[in-house]
Each structure stands twice: as C-alpha cells, then as structure tokens.
Amino acid sequence: MEAQHKDEVARLIADAESYLKAHFDQDYFQAVAASCVQEKALAQEKYQAAVEKLNKTHQETVSKLTDAQEIKDEKYVHKNRLFDAKMQLAKDLQDAKDRRHAAFDHQYHLIDLLRMSKFTFGETAAQRWENYRYNFNIRNFLLRNGLYLAIAVVFIAMCILAPTVKKVDLLTPNNILNILQQASPRMFLALGVAGLIMLAGTDLSIGRMMGMGITAATIVMHKGINTGGVFGHIFDFTGMPVPARVILALVVCVVLCTIFSTIAGFFTAKFKMHPFISTMSTMLIIFGLATYSTKGVSFGGIESDIQGMIMPKVGGFPTIILWALAAVVIVWFIWNKTTFGKNLYAVGGNPEAASVSGISVFWVTVGAFIMAGILYGFGAWLECIRMSGSGSASYGQGWEMDAIAACVVGGVSFTGGIGKISGVVTGVFIFTALTYSLTTLGIDANLQFVISGIIILVAVMLDCLKYVQKK
C-alpha cells in the first residue's frame, strides 16, 4: 500500500511541511517566546517584591527583639527565607525557559512524525544550537574551557608582543609547521600515558624510555661504526642495508620500551602497586642501565639519508606529522571501537564493578602498559630520526612531565575513566606551541617550568572541581 501511494504520501508530507514553515514560527513559536520573556520579567518583579517584603518584615521583627540569641536566630531565619525566594525565582525562570524550549522542539517533533527522523543538515544544526543554548551553564562552561580561554589569551598576548619585542611573527606557516613537527613525537608519548591516566595511574619513566630508545636507535642506525660501546662492546651495523637497519631500530625501540613498560604494568596489576611507585622503579632501572652500559656518552649521528626516507618534506610539509596523525587515528579506534577500549573506560571508572561484570582488571591494566610501551618505542624512534641521532641516556629528561601535563590539560582525568583522544591532541599542541612561543620570545627556560607548573596546577584544580560537582 505504501509503495502504491508513494507519490500521494510525498505530496501530503510536502504540503504539511509547507504549512509548518508558513505558520509554526509566526503563529505559534514567536508568541510563546514573547510570553516567556514576559514571564521572566514578571518573575524578576515578583522576586524583588518578595525580597523587599522580607527585608521590611525582618527589620520590624529585629526592632522588637532585645535578646542577642533571638536576634541571631531571626537573622538566620531571614537568610533562609531570602534563599527560598531566590530558589523560587530560579524555578520560575527555568519554567519559562522550559516552555520556550518545548515549543521549539515541538516543530521538530512534527517533522519527525512526517519524515521518520530524516532531518536536513540545517535542521540538525538548528536543534543542536538550541540544545546547547538550553543546557548552557556559565559555571560548567568555565570549568570545561576556562583554562583553554586563559591559554588563548596568553597566546594572543605573545603574538602581539613578538613583533614588538623580538621583531618576529609567531603566526607564520613556517612556525606552525615547526610546532606540529615538534609535537609529533610527543604525541606518541601522550597517547601512551593517557591510557594509564585513564586507569587513574601515571608513568614517570617516559623520559628515560625516550633516552634508552633514542640511544638504541642511534646505535643501530649510526653512520659508520659506532664511536661508543654498550658494556664495552662496539656495534657495527654498516654491513646491513639502510632500510633493514631502520626497521631493526624500530623493533629494538619498541621491544625495549615494551619490556620495561610491561614490567611496571605487571607489578601494578598483580600486586596492586601504585603506578607512581612501579614506574618510578623502572625509571631508575632504565636510567641506571642505560648510563652504566654506555658510560653516558653520545653516539653521534645516524645515516644522513634516513630522515629523508622516513619523514621527507613534501613541498615544505614535514611528513612526520602524518606519523602522529596515524597514531591518533589508531589509538582513537582502539579506545572507542574495540572491546579493550570499552574495558579501559570501565576499569578506570570503577575497577571493582568492572571485575564483577567479568572484565579482567589484570589484563586490561597490563594491556594499557603494553600499548604505552609500543607508543613510547615509536616516539623514541621518530625523535631519533627527527634529530638525526646524537642519542644519549640523558635525552628525554622531563618529557614525562610534558606528556602527563598534555593529558591533564586535554581533560584526561586522574580520577579515572574520563578522557578523549581529541583532548590529548589538544593538550600536546597547547604545550608544544607554548614552549615554542616562549623560546622564540627568549623567555628563560626556568621560567617556562614555572608557567608549565601553573598550567598543570590549574588544570588539575579544574578537574577536581568537576569531579566534586559530579559527586
């Protein structure tokens, strides 16, 4: 029957939609919206009158009292009555707001009945904007975006000051590409530790893993015979083809970082050890082994053609950015489209409930550490190629703070179970751009630490306030 009367049905739907467009807004919605405005004005007048009456009654009552305790009690009662009046005002304003929103939604409810939820792009956008306006709360907005707004103001100020103070422009295509290029290896580190923070943990060994990975990659891809040794042994990989050495360096980086990350994950999951302790232990072990075995020396540069092979510049565009983009897409898929990702959120939010529902908290925790180790290995390998080698065990010191800070600024909560990949990406770009801009302006590196510390403190404070509000 539907197929036989398809044209007639389409005509009737079109007529109904035309009628809605011609009459709904003018004859109904505008009248409701205007009445809601009047209701809000009347609610304000009612509130002011109520406050004046309460104040007058309070003053009359207090003037008749002589006992200090009775006066104190009256003031307390008066304060509660004022609060009740304020709550009544809020209720009246919310009722008017609800009526306007319901009137707006009614049009789309009718369209939904006609088209079976097939809205146009413009209609979908209008509904989203209305829902955003309806649910907007200034306090929640500042909790979510206050730090970003403050950082944006700082960036704008630096962009204004840079041409005057240093005779340079920060917002140039070349500077933006440099920021993206520097952010790319850090993206791998932030994505790795984000999974651990999601489990209400952290990782203090990231910087030392970077030093270990870059040293190992430099040894494998070294230009000529290595100038330094490991436990006294001098490695010579010059007999291998360069592409094979590049792949071997990646494998070595990933394996080394994953081994130590898995060790920390095992102790965290098996013995309920806090990640702060387990990763601090592996941090000390890694740094001690790497420094002792190499005597802390730098291993020089890698083969000159490797950088052009792995991350060539195409028309001035650094393709290392594509490596970071691929990592973002893969980790986003794992977090949002796989069972492991869903279990990660569940364990981070409430490990006891996750365990009761059949999720292996042990393997989810170890899996998060393994994934972090793989990402650290890729990050160290890319950074080695970006810097053309010169690896040493001390390289990467302090990078763990940048990675953790990027996650916190990006909204990955230390309370566990809360975070988005988009937030991690935003946090990495913010910190890289901030460091690059401050360095360009000639700000002392020690003051940069101060600024980073303030940002982290504010970010965690806002995160705690959101957690308290949710509780």
Protein backbone atom coordinates (compact mmCIF):
# COMPACT_ATOMS: atom_id res chain seq x y z
CA MET A 1 0.00 0.00 0.00
CA GLU A 2 2.82 2.39 0.85
CA ALA A 3 4.52 1.76 -2.48
CA GLN A 4 1.26 2.22 -4.41
CA HIS A 5 0.54 5.58 -2.77
CA LYS A 6 4.15 6.79 -2.60
CA ASP A 7 3.57 9.93 -4.69
CA GLU A 8 0.42 10.86 -2.77
CA VAL A 9 2.20 10.37 0.57
CA ALA A 10 5.12 12.53 -0.61
CA ARG A 11 2.72 15.28 -1.71
CA LEU A 12 0.88 15.26 1.62
CA ILE A 13 4.15 15.40 3.55
CA ALA A 14 5.35 18.31 1.40
CA ASP A 15 2.05 20.15 2.00
CA ALA A 16 2.36 19.59 5.75
CA GLU A 17 5.94 20.85 5.78
CA SER A 18 4.96 23.93 3.80
CA TYR A 19 2.19 24.65 6.28
CA LEU A 20 4.62 24.28 9.20
CA LYS A 21 7.12 26.66 7.60
CA ALA A 22 4.42 29.22 6.90
CA HIS A 23 2.63 29.13 10.25
CA PHE A 24 4.60 27.47 13.06
CA ASP A 25 7.16 30.18 13.77
CA GLN A 26 4.93 33.19 13.14
CA ASP A 27 1.66 31.95 14.61
CA TYR A 28 2.93 29.83 17.49
CA PHE A 29 6.61 29.90 18.44
CA GLN A 30 7.10 33.66 18.40
CA ALA A 31 4.02 34.11 20.61
CA VAL A 32 5.32 31.51 23.08
CA ALA A 33 8.80 33.05 23.10
CA ALA A 34 7.34 36.52 23.75
CA SER A 35 5.21 35.21 26.59
CA CYS A 36 8.26 33.52 28.12
CA VAL A 37 10.12 36.83 28.06
CA GLN A 38 7.18 38.44 29.87
CA GLU A 39 7.10 35.58 32.38
CA LYS A 40 10.80 36.10 33.17
CA ALA A 41 10.23 39.83 33.69
CA LEU A 42 7.26 39.13 35.96
CA ALA A 43 9.32 36.57 37.89
CA GLN A 44 12.02 39.17 38.49
CA GLU A 45 9.44 41.71 39.66
CA LYS A 46 7.86 39.10 41.93
CA TYR A 47 11.29 38.28 43.39
CA GLN A 48 12.16 41.93 44.04
CA ALA A 49 8.80 42.49 45.74
CA ALA A 50 9.27 39.38 47.87
CA VAL A 51 12.77 40.48 48.92
CA GLU A 52 11.55 43.95 49.84
CA LYS A 53 8.71 42.49 51.90
CA LEU A 54 11.04 40.03 53.66
CA ASN A 55 13.54 42.78 54.46
CA LYS A 56 10.80 45.03 55.83
CA THR A 57 9.36 42.24 57.96
CA HIS A 58 12.83 41.32 59.17
CA GLN A 59 13.63 44.88 60.21
CA GLU A 60 10.33 45.21 62.07
CA THR A 61 10.91 41.92 63.89
CA VAL A 62 14.50 42.72 64.84
CA SER A 63 13.49 46.15 66.19
CA LYS A 64 11.18 44.43 68.69
CA LEU A 65 13.80 41.96 69.94
CA THR A 66 16.31 42.61 72.73
CA ASP A 67 17.84 39.19 73.35
CA ALA A 68 21.06 38.62 71.34
CA GLN A 69 20.30 34.94 70.69
CA GLU A 70 16.80 35.75 69.43
CA ILE A 71 18.25 38.39 67.07
CA LYS A 72 20.79 35.86 65.81
CA ASP A 73 18.05 33.28 65.21
CA GLU A 74 15.93 35.83 63.37
CA LYS A 75 18.83 36.71 61.08
CA TYR A 76 19.33 33.02 60.33
CA VAL A 77 15.62 32.59 59.55
CA HIS A 78 15.68 35.70 57.36
CA LYS A 79 18.65 34.39 55.43
CA ASN A 80 16.83 31.11 54.76
CA ARG A 81 13.72 32.97 53.58
CA LEU A 82 15.81 35.02 51.15
CA PHE A 83 17.36 31.80 49.88
CA ASP A 84 13.90 30.27 49.38
CA ALA A 85 12.83 33.36 47.44
CA LYS A 86 15.90 33.06 45.25
CA MET A 87 15.18 29.38 44.60
CA GLN A 88 11.59 30.26 43.66
CA LEU A 89 12.95 32.82 41.18
CA ALA A 90 15.25 30.21 39.68
CA LYS A 91 12.30 27.80 39.37
CA ASP A 92 10.11 30.41 37.68
CA LEU A 93 12.89 31.33 35.23
CA GLN A 94 13.54 27.66 34.48
CA ASP A 95 9.81 27.05 33.87
CA ALA A 96 9.74 29.86 31.30
CA LYS A 97 12.93 28.51 29.71
CA ASP A 98 11.44 25.01 29.58
CA ARG A 99 8.26 26.28 27.88
CA ARG A 100 10.23 28.06 25.16
CA HIS A 101 12.43 25.00 24.59
CA ALA A 102 9.41 22.67 24.45
CA ALA A 103 7.76 24.97 21.89
CA PHE A 104 10.91 24.91 19.75
CA ASP A 105 11.16 21.11 19.96
CA HIS A 106 7.51 20.66 19.04
CA GLN A 107 8.15 21.75 15.45
CA TYR A 108 10.86 19.12 15.02
CA HIS A 109 8.67 16.53 16.70
CA LEU A 110 6.07 17.16 13.99
CA ILE A 111 8.74 16.96 11.27
CA ASP A 112 9.95 13.73 12.86
CA LEU A 113 6.44 12.26 12.58
CA LEU A 114 6.32 13.26 8.92
CA ARG A 115 9.79 12.13 7.83
CA MET A 116 10.68 9.45 10.39
CA SER A 117 13.69 11.36 11.82
CA LYS A 118 15.12 12.31 8.42
CA PHE A 119 16.27 15.84 9.20
CA THR A 120 18.21 18.09 6.86
CA PHE A 121 21.67 19.39 7.79
CA GLY A 122 20.26 22.81 8.60
CA GLU A 123 17.52 21.35 10.82
CA THR A 124 20.03 19.18 12.69
CA ALA A 125 22.32 22.18 13.22
CA ALA A 126 19.40 24.29 14.48
CA GLN A 127 18.43 21.60 17.00
CA ARG A 128 21.99 21.25 18.25
CA TRP A 129 22.35 25.00 18.69
CA GLU A 130 19.05 25.21 20.56
CA ASN A 131 20.03 22.29 22.82
CA TYR A 132 23.38 23.95 23.51
CA ARG A 133 21.66 27.23 24.46
CA TYR A 134 19.12 25.40 26.60
CA ASN A 135 21.76 23.41 28.54
CA PHE A 136 24.36 26.17 28.70
CA ASN A 137 25.65 26.93 32.18
CA ILE A 138 28.33 29.57 32.70
CA ARG A 139 29.93 27.73 35.64
CA ASN A 140 30.15 24.43 33.76
CA PHE A 141 31.43 26.25 30.69
CA LEU A 142 34.25 27.86 32.67
CA LEU A 143 35.11 24.55 34.35
CA ARG A 144 35.43 22.88 30.95
CA ASN A 145 37.01 25.71 28.98
CA GLY A 146 38.37 28.26 31.45
CA LEU A 147 41.95 27.03 31.13
CA TYR A 148 41.75 27.00 27.33
CA LEU A 149 40.44 30.56 27.34
CA ALA A 150 43.27 31.69 29.62
CA ILE A 151 45.90 30.00 27.45
CA ALA A 152 44.33 31.53 24.34
CA VAL A 153 44.64 34.97 25.93
CA VAL A 154 48.32 34.25 26.69
CA PHE A 155 48.94 33.17 23.09
CA ILE A 156 47.22 36.25 21.73
CA ALA A 157 49.34 38.42 24.02
CA MET A 158 52.53 36.68 22.85
CA CYS A 159 51.53 37.06 19.21
CA ILE A 160 51.05 40.79 19.81
CA LEU A 161 54.28 41.21 21.76
CA ALA A 162 56.54 39.11 19.50
CA PRO A 163 56.72 41.61 16.57
CA THR A 164 57.40 44.46 19.01
CA VAL A 165 59.87 42.78 21.37
CA LYS A 166 61.69 40.29 19.12
CA LYS A 167 60.81 41.61 15.66
CA VAL A 168 59.37 38.20 14.70
CA ASP A 169 55.91 36.95 13.83
CA LEU A 170 54.71 33.84 15.66
CA LEU A 171 51.72 33.10 13.45
CA THR A 172 53.57 32.18 10.27
CA PRO A 173 53.11 28.96 8.26
CA ASN A 174 56.73 28.00 8.95
CA ASN A 175 56.32 28.39 12.74
CA ILE A 176 53.07 26.44 12.72
CA LEU A 177 54.73 23.58 10.82
CA ASN A 178 57.67 23.64 13.24
CA ILE A 179 55.26 23.35 16.17
CA LEU A 180 53.44 20.44 14.54
CA GLN A 181 56.76 18.77 13.74
CA GLN A 182 57.99 19.05 17.32
CA ALA A 183 54.63 17.89 18.66
CA SER A 184 54.57 14.71 16.56
CA PRO A 185 56.95 12.51 18.63
CA ARG A 186 55.42 13.89 21.84
CA MET A 187 52.01 12.83 20.57
CA PHE A 188 53.06 9.17 20.85
CA LEU A 189 54.15 9.66 24.45
CA ALA A 190 50.96 11.50 25.44
CA LEU A 191 48.76 8.88 23.78
CA GLY A 192 50.62 6.15 25.65
CA VAL A 193 50.41 7.70 29.11
CA ALA A 194 46.78 8.79 28.51
CA GLY A 195 45.70 5.15 28.73
CA LEU A 196 47.46 4.83 32.10
CA ILE A 197 45.93 8.04 33.44
CA MET A 198 42.59 6.66 32.27
CA LEU A 199 43.21 3.88 34.80
CA ALA A 200 43.83 6.53 37.50
CA GLY A 201 47.58 5.94 37.14
CA THR A 202 50.61 7.63 35.60
CA ASP A 203 54.08 6.88 34.20
CA LEU A 204 57.27 8.53 35.46
CA SER A 205 59.59 6.51 33.20
CA ILE A 206 58.65 8.10 29.85
CA GLY A 207 61.66 10.42 29.66
CA ARG A 208 64.12 7.66 30.49
CA MET A 209 62.48 5.35 27.96
CA MET A 210 62.99 8.08 25.38
CA GLY A 211 66.68 8.27 26.29
CA MET A 212 67.05 4.49 26.14
CA GLY A 213 65.12 4.19 22.87
CA ILE A 214 66.94 7.03 21.12
CA THR A 215 70.31 5.63 22.23
CA ALA A 216 69.42 2.15 20.93
CA ALA A 217 68.08 3.55 17.65
CA THR A 218 71.19 5.69 17.15
CA ILE A 219 73.44 2.67 17.71
CA VAL A 220 71.59 0.66 15.06
CA MET A 221 71.28 3.48 12.50
CA HIS A 222 74.70 5.06 13.29
CA LYS A 223 76.66 6.50 10.42
CA GLY A 224 79.62 4.14 10.24
CA ILE A 225 80.99 2.07 13.08
CA ASN A 226 79.72 3.24 16.49
CA THR A 227 82.02 5.58 18.38
CA GLY A 228 80.82 4.29 21.74
CA GLY A 229 80.07 0.88 23.15
CA VAL A 230 77.49 -0.95 25.23
CA PHE A 231 79.08 -2.78 28.16
CA GLY A 232 82.38 -2.31 26.30
CA HIS A 233 81.16 -3.86 23.03
CA ILE A 234 81.35 -1.74 19.87
CA PHE A 235 78.47 -2.42 17.46
CA ASP A 236 78.89 -2.26 13.69
CA PHE A 237 75.71 -2.42 11.59
CA THR A 238 77.26 -0.98 8.43
CA GLY A 239 77.02 -4.35 6.71
CA MET A 240 73.21 -4.20 6.76
CA PRO A 241 71.17 -2.27 4.15
CA VAL A 242 69.93 1.06 5.45
CA PRO A 243 66.19 0.13 5.21
CA ALA A 244 66.86 -3.03 7.22
CA ARG A 245 68.69 -1.01 9.88
CA VAL A 246 65.77 1.42 10.08
CA ILE A 247 63.31 -1.44 10.66
CA LEU A 248 65.66 -3.10 13.16
CA ALA A 249 65.99 0.17 15.07
CA LEU A 250 62.20 0.46 15.29
CA VAL A 251 61.89 -3.14 16.52
CA VAL A 252 64.61 -2.63 19.13
CA CYS A 253 63.00 0.60 20.39
CA VAL A 254 59.54 -0.94 20.63
CA VAL A 255 60.78 -4.15 22.27
CA LEU A 256 62.92 -2.38 24.88
CA CYS A 257 60.22 0.13 25.83
CA THR A 258 57.51 -2.52 25.88
CA ILE A 259 59.55 -4.85 28.10
CA PHE A 260 60.09 -2.24 30.79
CA SER A 261 56.56 -0.88 30.48
CA THR A 262 55.14 -4.40 30.84
CA ILE A 263 57.25 -4.98 33.95
CA ALA A 264 55.76 -1.87 35.53
CA GLY A 265 52.29 -2.94 34.40
CA PHE A 266 52.71 -6.42 35.87
CA PHE A 267 53.67 -5.13 39.31
CA THR A 268 50.86 -2.58 39.17
CA ALA A 269 48.22 -5.14 38.21
CA LYS A 270 49.44 -8.17 40.17
CA PHE A 271 50.36 -6.57 43.48
CA LYS A 272 48.02 -3.54 43.33
CA MET A 273 51.12 -1.35 43.39
CA HIS A 274 50.53 2.30 42.63
CA PRO A 275 51.85 3.20 39.14
CA PHE A 276 53.78 6.08 40.71
CA ILE A 277 55.99 3.52 42.51
CA SER A 278 56.23 0.88 39.77
CA THR A 279 57.09 3.38 37.02
CA MET A 280 59.49 5.29 39.27
CA SER A 281 61.30 1.99 39.85
CA THR A 282 61.55 1.22 36.14
CA MET A 283 62.64 4.82 35.53
CA LEU A 284 65.60 4.35 37.88
CA ILE A 285 66.43 0.92 36.45
CA ILE A 286 66.34 2.17 32.85
CA PHE A 287 68.45 5.24 33.54
CA GLY A 288 70.96 3.27 35.58
CA LEU A 289 71.37 0.52 32.99
CA ALA A 290 71.48 2.90 30.02
CA THR A 291 74.00 5.22 31.66
CA TYR A 292 76.20 2.46 33.07
CA SER A 293 76.25 0.42 29.88
CA THR A 294 77.06 3.37 27.60
CA LYS A 295 79.15 5.42 30.06
CA GLY A 296 76.65 8.23 29.40
CA VAL A 297 78.30 9.18 26.10
CA SER A 298 76.50 10.43 22.98
CA PHE A 299 76.63 8.12 19.98
CA GLY A 300 76.79 10.74 17.22
CA GLY A 301 74.60 10.96 14.12
CA ILE A 302 72.68 8.44 12.06
CA GLU A 303 72.88 7.80 8.32
CA SER A 304 72.10 11.07 6.57
CA ASP A 305 69.58 9.66 4.11
CA ILE A 306 67.35 8.03 6.76
CA GLN A 307 65.50 11.22 7.64
CA GLY A 308 64.55 11.83 4.02
CA MET A 309 63.48 8.19 3.72
CA ILE A 310 61.15 8.08 6.77
CA MET A 311 59.92 11.66 7.11
CA PRO A 312 60.61 13.56 3.88
CA LYS A 313 59.40 17.11 3.42
CA VAL A 314 56.89 17.34 0.58
CA GLY A 315 56.69 20.90 -0.64
CA GLY A 316 57.96 22.08 2.74
CA PHE A 317 55.40 19.94 4.62
CA PRO A 318 57.06 17.68 7.27
CA THR A 319 55.54 14.23 6.83
CA ILE A 320 56.40 13.29 10.41
CA ILE A 321 53.02 14.90 11.14
CA LEU A 322 51.39 12.05 9.21
CA TRP A 323 53.01 9.53 11.58
CA ALA A 324 51.42 11.33 14.52
CA LEU A 325 48.09 11.53 12.71
CA ALA A 326 48.18 7.78 12.08
CA ALA A 327 48.88 7.16 15.78
CA VAL A 328 45.94 9.37 16.78
CA VAL A 329 43.57 7.51 14.44
CA ILE A 330 44.73 4.07 15.62
CA VAL A 331 44.53 4.89 19.33
CA TRP A 332 41.15 6.57 18.83
CA PHE A 333 39.89 3.37 17.15
CA ILE A 334 41.24 1.21 19.99
CA TRP A 335 39.68 3.41 22.66
CA ASN A 336 36.28 3.82 21.02
CA LYS A 337 35.68 0.84 18.76
CA THR A 338 37.22 -2.18 20.47
CA THR A 339 36.32 -4.27 23.49
CA PHE A 340 39.66 -3.42 25.07
CA GLY A 341 38.90 0.31 24.80
CA LYS A 342 35.48 -0.10 26.42
CA ASN A 343 37.05 -2.21 29.18
CA LEU A 344 39.68 0.51 29.66
CA TYR A 345 36.98 3.07 30.41
CA ALA A 346 35.14 0.59 32.66
CA VAL A 347 38.20 -0.35 34.72
CA GLY A 348 39.26 3.28 35.00
CA GLY A 349 35.81 4.34 36.17
CA ASN A 350 35.23 1.57 38.71
CA PRO A 351 37.61 -1.43 38.79
CA GLU A 352 35.51 -3.31 41.35
CA ALA A 353 32.34 -3.07 39.25
CA ALA A 354 34.31 -3.98 36.12
CA SER A 355 35.70 -7.07 37.83
CA VAL A 356 32.24 -8.15 38.97
CA SER A 357 30.93 -7.77 35.42
CA GLY A 358 33.55 -10.22 34.13
CA ILE A 359 36.29 -7.86 32.93
CA SER A 360 39.86 -8.93 33.74
CA VAL A 361 41.28 -5.89 35.52
CA PHE A 362 44.72 -7.53 35.46
CA TRP A 363 44.89 -7.93 31.69
CA VAL A 364 43.33 -4.55 30.96
CA THR A 365 45.96 -2.90 33.16
CA VAL A 366 48.83 -4.86 31.64
CA GLY A 367 47.41 -4.23 28.16
CA ALA A 368 47.36 -0.48 28.78
CA PHE A 369 51.03 -0.60 29.81
CA ILE A 370 51.94 -2.72 26.78
CA MET A 371 50.21 -0.28 24.44
CA ALA A 372 52.00 2.59 26.17
CA GLY A 373 55.36 0.86 25.70
CA ILE A 374 54.73 0.35 21.98
CA LEU A 375 53.83 4.02 21.57
CA TYR A 376 56.90 5.11 23.56
CA GLY A 377 59.08 2.98 21.27
CA PHE A 378 57.61 4.56 18.14
CA GLY A 379 58.01 8.03 19.66
CA ALA A 380 61.68 7.43 20.54
CA TRP A 381 62.38 6.06 17.04
CA LEU A 382 60.77 9.07 15.35
CA GLU A 383 62.54 11.54 17.65
CA CYS A 384 65.88 9.87 16.89
CA ILE A 385 65.28 10.26 13.15
CA ARG A 386 63.98 13.82 13.55
CA MET A 387 67.10 14.82 15.50
CA SER A 388 69.38 12.75 13.17
CA GLY A 389 70.64 10.71 16.10
CA SER A 390 73.01 12.06 18.74
CA GLY A 391 71.33 9.77 21.24
CA SER A 392 72.38 9.54 24.89
CA ALA A 393 70.82 8.10 28.05
CA SER A 394 70.13 11.60 29.39
CA TYR A 395 67.99 12.58 26.40
CA GLY A 396 64.29 12.97 27.14
CA GLN A 397 64.69 14.18 30.72
CA GLY A 398 61.47 15.89 31.78
CA TRP A 399 59.45 14.62 28.82
CA GLU A 400 57.25 12.62 31.16
CA MET A 401 56.01 15.87 32.68
CA ASP A 402 55.15 17.27 29.25
CA ALA A 403 53.24 14.11 28.29
CA ILE A 404 51.32 13.93 31.57
CA ALA A 405 50.60 17.66 31.53
CA ALA A 406 49.29 17.46 27.95
CA CYS A 407 46.84 14.74 29.01
CA VAL A 408 45.67 16.64 32.08
CA VAL A 409 45.19 19.87 30.14
CA GLY A 410 43.37 17.85 27.49
CA GLY A 411 40.82 16.62 30.02
CA VAL A 412 42.05 13.08 30.79
CA SER A 413 41.08 12.86 34.44
CA PHE A 414 43.28 11.42 37.18
CA THR A 415 40.07 10.18 38.80
CA GLY A 416 39.95 7.53 36.08
CA GLY A 417 37.57 6.55 33.31
CA ILE A 418 37.31 10.04 31.78
CA GLY A 419 39.13 11.29 28.69
CA LYS A 420 39.06 11.74 24.95
CA ILE A 421 41.73 11.41 22.27
CA SER A 422 40.79 14.85 20.95
CA GLY A 423 41.66 16.27 24.38
CA VAL A 424 45.08 14.60 24.35
CA VAL A 425 45.82 16.02 20.89
CA THR A 426 44.74 19.49 22.04
CA GLY A 427 46.93 19.26 25.15
CA VAL A 428 50.01 18.24 23.17
CA PHE A 429 49.56 21.12 20.72
CA ILE A 430 49.00 23.60 23.57
CA PHE A 431 52.18 22.67 25.43
CA THR A 432 54.33 22.41 22.32
CA ALA A 433 53.09 25.75 21.00
CA LEU A 434 53.55 27.34 24.42
CA THR A 435 57.15 26.10 24.72
CA TYR A 436 57.96 27.12 21.15
CA SER A 437 56.46 30.58 21.59
CA LEU A 438 58.18 31.24 24.92
CA THR A 439 61.51 30.10 23.49
CA THR A 440 61.05 32.35 20.46
CA LEU A 441 60.37 35.28 22.78
CA GLY A 442 63.57 34.50 24.69
CA ILE A 443 61.87 33.57 27.98
CA ASP A 444 64.27 31.81 30.33
CA ALA A 445 63.83 28.02 30.40
CA ASN A 446 63.44 28.07 34.19
CA LEU A 447 60.53 30.50 33.91
CA GLN A 448 58.99 28.18 31.33
CA PHE A 449 58.94 25.47 34.01
CA VAL A 450 57.12 27.89 36.29
CA ILE A 451 54.49 28.62 33.64
CA SER A 452 54.04 24.91 32.89
CA GLY A 453 53.65 24.19 36.59
CA ILE A 454 50.96 26.83 36.97
CA ILE A 455 49.06 25.44 33.98
CA ILE A 456 49.21 21.90 35.38
CA LEU A 457 48.08 23.10 38.82
CA VAL A 458 45.11 24.98 37.38
CA ALA A 459 44.20 22.07 35.08
CA VAL A 460 44.15 19.57 37.95
CA MET A 461 42.23 22.03 40.15
CA LEU A 462 39.52 22.37 37.48
CA ASP A 463 39.46 18.60 37.07
CA CYS A 464 38.97 18.19 40.83
CA LEU A 465 36.17 20.76 40.84
CA LYS A 466 34.40 18.88 38.03
CA TYR A 467 34.80 15.62 39.96
CA VAL A 468 33.41 17.17 43.15
CA GLN A 469 30.48 18.62 41.23
CA LYS A 470 29.72 15.24 39.70
CA LYS A 471 29.84 13.57 43.12
